[in-house]
Structure formats: structure tokens, C-alpha cells
Amino acid sequence: GGTWAGPTQKAILALAAELGIATKNGKPEGKTFYGNRGQWSQVDAETNPSAEQQDFSEALARFGALSETVVRTAPWSTPGAQALDSKTAGQWLRENTRTEGGRALFEGCIRKMQGGDPDEVSLLWILHFVATASFRDLLDTAEDYRFIGGSQTISLEIARRLGDRVRTNSQVTRIVRNPDGGVTLEGDTFAPVTARRAIVTSMPAALRSVKFDPPLPDAQRDMI
């Protein structure tokens, strides 16, 4: 998630350095414990793995090998793409784990990666996501660094430097594409703002209260 950064995420690390925000070791120190349905156990996967940890490791290896077969630039051309896309990640987990604990560990990983239920995401989609990010990077280096003060310090420092150009509590209710190719943003609490581009970074559901003129294409509207 946004808490960590890895060495392959060069842009955000460079931006943090430019803003004077330092990093620290992102790896947890001390003992690691695993909790599942109120039961806690110490994780010692390297020297003395439990049956659940061994199950998780074996499934993870199979998943990693499968992700390496995905064609990153055209996932639909991946060998067996139709079969992979017709199965959910949750189905694959049930077929490839032996223990409830191992399956719960893996489900937790997928929930963190895609923010939802493994049974609501295509296996091909999650494989493509992992392949694009690099399975080994996600596994080994994705949590190498944390930002001192928290990753929100990057946004806060950018806002401080921009000053009153950052407007808060100003909800956009309408985005209009102008004849000249620019856009106009309208809202109830501010005068219309005209710009060359509008970059919308909110969650899709938040856009239900925003009107687009002309309307968004059907594919994008369906996502909202």
C-alpha cells in the first residue's frame, strides 16, 4: 500500500528526496505473529514452518510461476487466458491450498493488493496485476522503505508549497469539456475554474455526484 515504497518505485522516492522527506527501513523488526479467527501463533517460516505456512508458501510459488506466464502488454493473449479469466482468485485459492490457515494467509495478501474479496476478481486480472508490478519485487522489496512522518507528508509538503492554489472543501459537481479542448469545473462553493486538463483521482463511487458534459463513455460510466 501507500505506506511503503520499494527500489523500483523511483519516481516517488525521487519526489520525496526533492521535497526533503527522508526514508527509513520499512521491514518490521522483532518477532512476527500470525492471527486467524482469534488464534495467534509466532511465524517462523524459515526454520520451523507450520502446516499452514508451508501450505501458503507452496501456493505462493505456484501463483508466482503462473503470473510469469502472463503477457504483460496483452494479457488476453496469455496461454489459457479465457480459462484464467473465467475463474476467480478465490476459486483458484480453494483449489490450490490444503489448510484453512494457508488459504486465509493468501486471501489476506490478495485483499491488500486489490482491496476486495478474492471471489470478486478475475484470476487473470490479479495475475496481470502481479506480473506488471513484478512478482519478485512485490515479494522481496516492495516494503523496503517507509517515509519518516508517514507517506502523507509528501502530499502535505506539496500542498504547503502550492499555497492557496490548493482548495479544500470545494466539491466539484460538474465537469464540462470546452469547445477549445479545455475543461471547466463547476461547484456550489466556488466560481467556475477553467483549465487545460482535469485529473480526477477520486474513487469511482465518489463520481456519482459529478455530472460530465458531454457524458462519459459507457464503459467508464459502468465503473461508477
Protein backbone atom coordinates (compact mmCIF):
# COMPACT_ATOMS: atom_id res chain seq x y z
CA GLY A 1 0.00 0.00 0.00
CA GLY A 2 0.90 3.67 0.13
CA THR A 3 2.72 3.25 3.44
CA TRP A 4 5.75 1.64 1.80
CA ALA A 5 7.97 2.10 -1.24
CA GLY A 6 10.44 -0.19 -2.98
CA PRO A 7 13.58 0.46 -5.02
CA THR A 8 11.71 0.05 -8.32
CA GLN A 9 9.36 2.93 -7.38
CA LYS A 10 11.92 5.50 -8.40
CA ALA A 11 9.55 8.39 -9.12
CA ILE A 12 8.03 8.60 -5.63
CA LEU A 13 11.43 8.14 -3.98
CA ALA A 14 12.89 10.93 -6.13
CA LEU A 15 9.94 13.20 -5.32
CA ALA A 16 10.35 12.56 -1.59
CA ALA A 17 14.06 13.38 -1.81
CA GLU A 18 13.29 16.57 -3.74
CA LEU A 19 10.84 17.61 -1.02
CA GLY A 20 13.33 16.82 1.75
CA ILE A 21 11.39 13.85 3.13
CA ALA A 22 13.66 11.09 4.39
CA THR A 23 13.01 7.35 4.39
CA LYS A 24 13.72 4.60 6.90
CA ASN A 25 13.81 0.82 6.87
CA GLY A 26 10.34 -0.45 6.04
CA LYS A 27 10.84 -4.03 7.15
CA PRO A 28 9.29 -4.93 10.50
CA GLU A 29 11.72 -5.68 13.30
CA GLY A 30 11.29 -8.29 16.00
CA LYS A 31 9.02 -11.31 16.04
CA THR A 32 6.16 -11.74 13.60
CA PHE A 33 2.82 -13.20 14.68
CA TYR A 34 0.00 -14.55 12.56
CA GLY A 35 -3.61 -14.21 13.64
CA ASN A 36 -6.59 -16.09 12.22
CA ARG A 37 -10.04 -16.03 13.81
CA GLY A 38 -8.73 -15.15 17.26
CA GLN A 39 -5.89 -17.68 17.24
CA TRP A 40 -2.35 -16.27 17.27
CA SER A 41 0.93 -18.02 16.55
CA GLN A 42 4.51 -16.90 16.03
CA VAL A 43 5.67 -17.01 12.43
CA ASP A 44 8.92 -18.92 11.96
CA ALA A 45 8.51 -19.82 8.31
CA GLU A 46 12.21 -20.27 7.53
CA THR A 47 13.34 -22.67 10.26
CA ASN A 48 10.16 -24.28 11.52
CA PRO A 49 7.14 -23.59 9.29
CA SER A 50 3.73 -24.72 10.42
CA ALA A 51 1.48 -26.74 8.13
CA GLU A 52 -0.40 -23.53 7.29
CA GLN A 53 2.78 -21.60 6.50
CA GLN A 54 4.07 -24.44 4.33
CA ASP A 55 0.74 -24.58 2.52
CA PHE A 56 0.86 -20.82 1.94
CA SER A 57 4.45 -20.95 0.65
CA GLU A 58 3.68 -23.74 -1.82
CA ALA A 59 0.57 -21.96 -3.13
CA LEU A 60 2.53 -18.72 -3.42
CA ALA A 61 5.20 -20.46 -5.51
CA ARG A 62 2.54 -21.86 -7.85
CA PHE A 63 0.88 -18.46 -8.10
CA GLY A 64 4.20 -16.77 -8.87
CA ALA A 65 5.01 -19.27 -11.61
CA LEU A 66 1.56 -18.76 -13.12
CA SER A 67 1.95 -14.96 -13.07
CA GLU A 68 5.15 -15.27 -15.10
CA THR A 69 3.16 -16.80 -17.99
CA VAL A 70 1.03 -13.64 -18.35
CA VAL A 71 1.72 -11.42 -21.36
CA ARG A 72 2.07 -8.05 -19.65
CA THR A 73 1.27 -5.87 -22.67
CA ALA A 74 -1.64 -8.04 -23.87
CA PRO A 75 -2.97 -10.25 -21.04
CA TRP A 76 -5.82 -11.51 -23.22
CA SER A 77 -3.21 -13.32 -25.35
CA THR A 78 -1.81 -15.21 -22.35
CA PRO A 79 -1.89 -19.00 -22.82
CA GLY A 80 -5.21 -20.21 -21.38
CA ALA A 81 -6.42 -16.61 -20.89
CA GLN A 82 -10.10 -17.49 -21.26
CA ALA A 83 -9.92 -20.19 -18.60
CA LEU A 84 -7.97 -17.90 -16.26
CA ASP A 85 -10.44 -15.05 -16.77
CA SER A 86 -13.46 -17.30 -16.17
CA LYS A 87 -12.16 -18.26 -12.71
CA THR A 88 -11.97 -16.01 -9.66
CA ALA A 89 -8.90 -15.67 -7.49
CA GLY A 90 -10.94 -17.18 -4.66
CA GLN A 91 -11.70 -20.29 -6.69
CA TRP A 92 -8.02 -20.73 -7.50
CA LEU A 93 -7.13 -20.42 -3.81
CA ARG A 94 -9.59 -23.12 -2.79
CA GLU A 95 -8.16 -25.42 -5.46
CA ASN A 96 -4.53 -24.75 -4.53
CA THR A 97 -4.46 -24.71 -0.72
CA ARG A 98 -4.90 -27.58 1.73
CA THR A 99 -5.41 -25.75 5.02
CA GLU A 100 -7.78 -23.04 6.18
CA GLY A 101 -4.89 -21.08 7.69
CA GLY A 102 -2.84 -21.18 4.49
CA ARG A 103 -5.84 -20.07 2.48
CA ALA A 104 -6.56 -17.22 4.94
CA LEU A 105 -2.96 -16.00 4.65
CA PHE A 106 -3.20 -15.90 0.87
CA GLU A 107 -6.65 -14.28 0.92
CA GLY A 108 -5.20 -11.54 3.11
CA CYS A 109 -2.47 -10.87 0.55
CA ILE A 110 -4.99 -10.56 -2.28
CA ARG A 111 -7.28 -8.32 -0.24
CA LYS A 112 -4.34 -5.98 0.41
CA MET A 113 -3.37 -5.91 -3.26
CA GLN A 114 -6.78 -5.31 -4.82
CA GLY A 115 -8.86 -4.06 -1.90
CA GLY A 116 -11.69 -6.55 -2.15
CA ASP A 117 -12.95 -10.10 -1.93
CA PRO A 118 -10.86 -12.66 -3.87
CA ASP A 119 -14.13 -14.11 -5.17
CA GLU A 120 -14.94 -10.81 -6.86
CA VAL A 121 -11.82 -10.52 -9.01
CA SER A 122 -10.75 -12.45 -12.09
CA LEU A 123 -7.74 -14.73 -11.67
CA LEU A 124 -6.30 -13.33 -14.90
CA TRP A 125 -6.70 -9.78 -13.60
CA ILE A 126 -4.82 -10.40 -10.36
CA LEU A 127 -2.13 -12.39 -12.20
CA HIS A 128 -1.67 -9.50 -14.64
CA PHE A 129 -1.52 -7.03 -11.75
CA VAL A 130 1.21 -9.05 -10.07
CA ALA A 131 3.10 -9.66 -13.32
CA THR A 132 3.08 -5.96 -14.17
CA ALA A 133 4.37 -5.00 -10.73
CA SER A 134 6.88 -7.89 -10.84
CA PHE A 135 6.10 -10.80 -8.54
CA ARG A 136 9.61 -10.86 -7.07
CA ASP A 137 9.55 -7.12 -6.36
CA LEU A 138 6.21 -7.44 -4.55
CA LEU A 139 7.52 -10.40 -2.57
CA ASP A 140 11.01 -9.21 -1.69
CA THR A 141 11.46 -5.43 -1.98
CA ALA A 142 8.07 -3.68 -2.12
CA GLU A 143 8.27 -2.78 1.58
CA ASP A 144 11.95 -1.77 1.77
CA TYR A 145 11.28 1.86 2.73
CA ARG A 146 8.87 3.92 4.80
CA PHE A 147 8.67 7.70 4.81
CA ILE A 148 9.56 9.41 8.07
CA GLY A 149 6.43 11.16 9.26
CA GLY A 150 4.24 8.93 7.08
CA SER A 151 3.63 8.93 3.34
CA GLN A 152 1.04 11.70 3.75
CA THR A 153 3.94 14.11 4.39
CA ILE A 154 4.58 14.09 0.62
CA SER A 155 1.09 15.40 -0.17
CA LEU A 156 1.21 17.84 2.74
CA GLU A 157 4.54 19.29 1.62
CA ILE A 158 3.32 19.66 -1.97
CA ALA A 159 0.20 21.45 -0.67
CA ARG A 160 2.33 23.73 1.53
CA ARG A 161 4.47 24.75 -1.45
CA LEU A 162 1.44 25.36 -3.67
CA GLY A 163 -0.13 27.58 -1.01
CA ASP A 164 -3.60 28.96 -1.73
CA ARG A 165 -3.66 27.25 -5.12
CA VAL A 166 -4.85 24.15 -3.24
CA ARG A 167 -8.54 24.47 -2.45
CA THR A 168 -10.16 22.27 0.18
CA ASN A 169 -13.86 21.83 0.97
CA SER A 170 -14.62 22.70 -2.67
CA GLN A 171 -16.60 19.83 -4.13
CA VAL A 172 -16.77 19.71 -7.92
CA THR A 173 -20.29 18.94 -9.11
CA ARG A 174 -19.86 19.35 -12.89
CA ILE A 175 -17.01 18.94 -15.39
CA VAL A 176 -17.57 20.46 -18.81
CA ARG A 177 -15.41 19.91 -21.87
CA ASN A 178 -14.99 23.24 -23.65
CA PRO A 179 -15.05 23.70 -27.46
CA ASP A 180 -11.38 24.77 -27.38
CA GLY A 181 -10.38 21.45 -25.79
CA GLY A 182 -10.03 22.70 -22.22
CA VAL A 183 -12.35 21.98 -19.29
CA THR A 184 -14.43 23.97 -16.83
CA LEU A 185 -15.01 22.79 -13.27
CA GLU A 186 -18.16 23.93 -11.51
CA GLY A 187 -19.32 23.66 -7.93
CA ASP A 188 -21.68 25.20 -5.40
CA THR A 189 -18.98 26.84 -3.25
CA PHE A 190 -16.61 28.38 -5.82
CA ALA A 191 -16.60 30.31 -9.09
CA PRO A 192 -16.08 28.19 -12.25
CA VAL A 193 -12.46 27.21 -12.88
CA THR A 194 -11.12 26.76 -16.41
CA ALA A 195 -8.06 24.62 -17.13
CA ARG A 196 -6.34 22.71 -19.93
CA ARG A 197 -6.93 19.36 -18.21
CA ALA A 198 -8.82 17.91 -15.24
CA ILE A 199 -7.22 14.94 -13.46
CA VAL A 200 -9.82 13.01 -11.47
CA THR A 201 -8.26 10.84 -8.74
CA SER A 202 -11.24 10.06 -6.51
CA MET A 203 -12.71 6.62 -6.02
CA PRO A 204 -15.18 5.77 -8.83
CA ALA A 205 -18.17 5.75 -6.46
CA ALA A 206 -17.47 9.37 -5.47
CA LEU A 207 -18.10 10.44 -9.07
CA ARG A 208 -21.79 9.58 -8.87
CA SER A 209 -22.40 13.13 -7.64
CA VAL A 210 -20.43 14.70 -10.52
CA LYS A 211 -22.09 15.48 -13.85
CA PHE A 212 -19.98 15.22 -17.00
CA ASP A 213 -20.74 17.23 -20.12
CA PRO A 214 -20.56 15.50 -22.53
CA PRO A 215 -21.36 12.27 -20.64
CA LEU A 216 -18.61 9.75 -20.03
CA PRO A 217 -18.34 6.77 -22.41
CA ASP A 218 -20.49 3.79 -21.44
CA ALA A 219 -17.51 1.70 -20.26
CA GLN A 220 -16.42 4.38 -17.82
CA ARG A 221 -19.97 5.11 -16.67
CA ASP A 222 -20.47 1.44 -15.86
CA MET A 223 -17.47 1.58 -13.49
CA ILE A 224 -19.23 4.28 -11.48
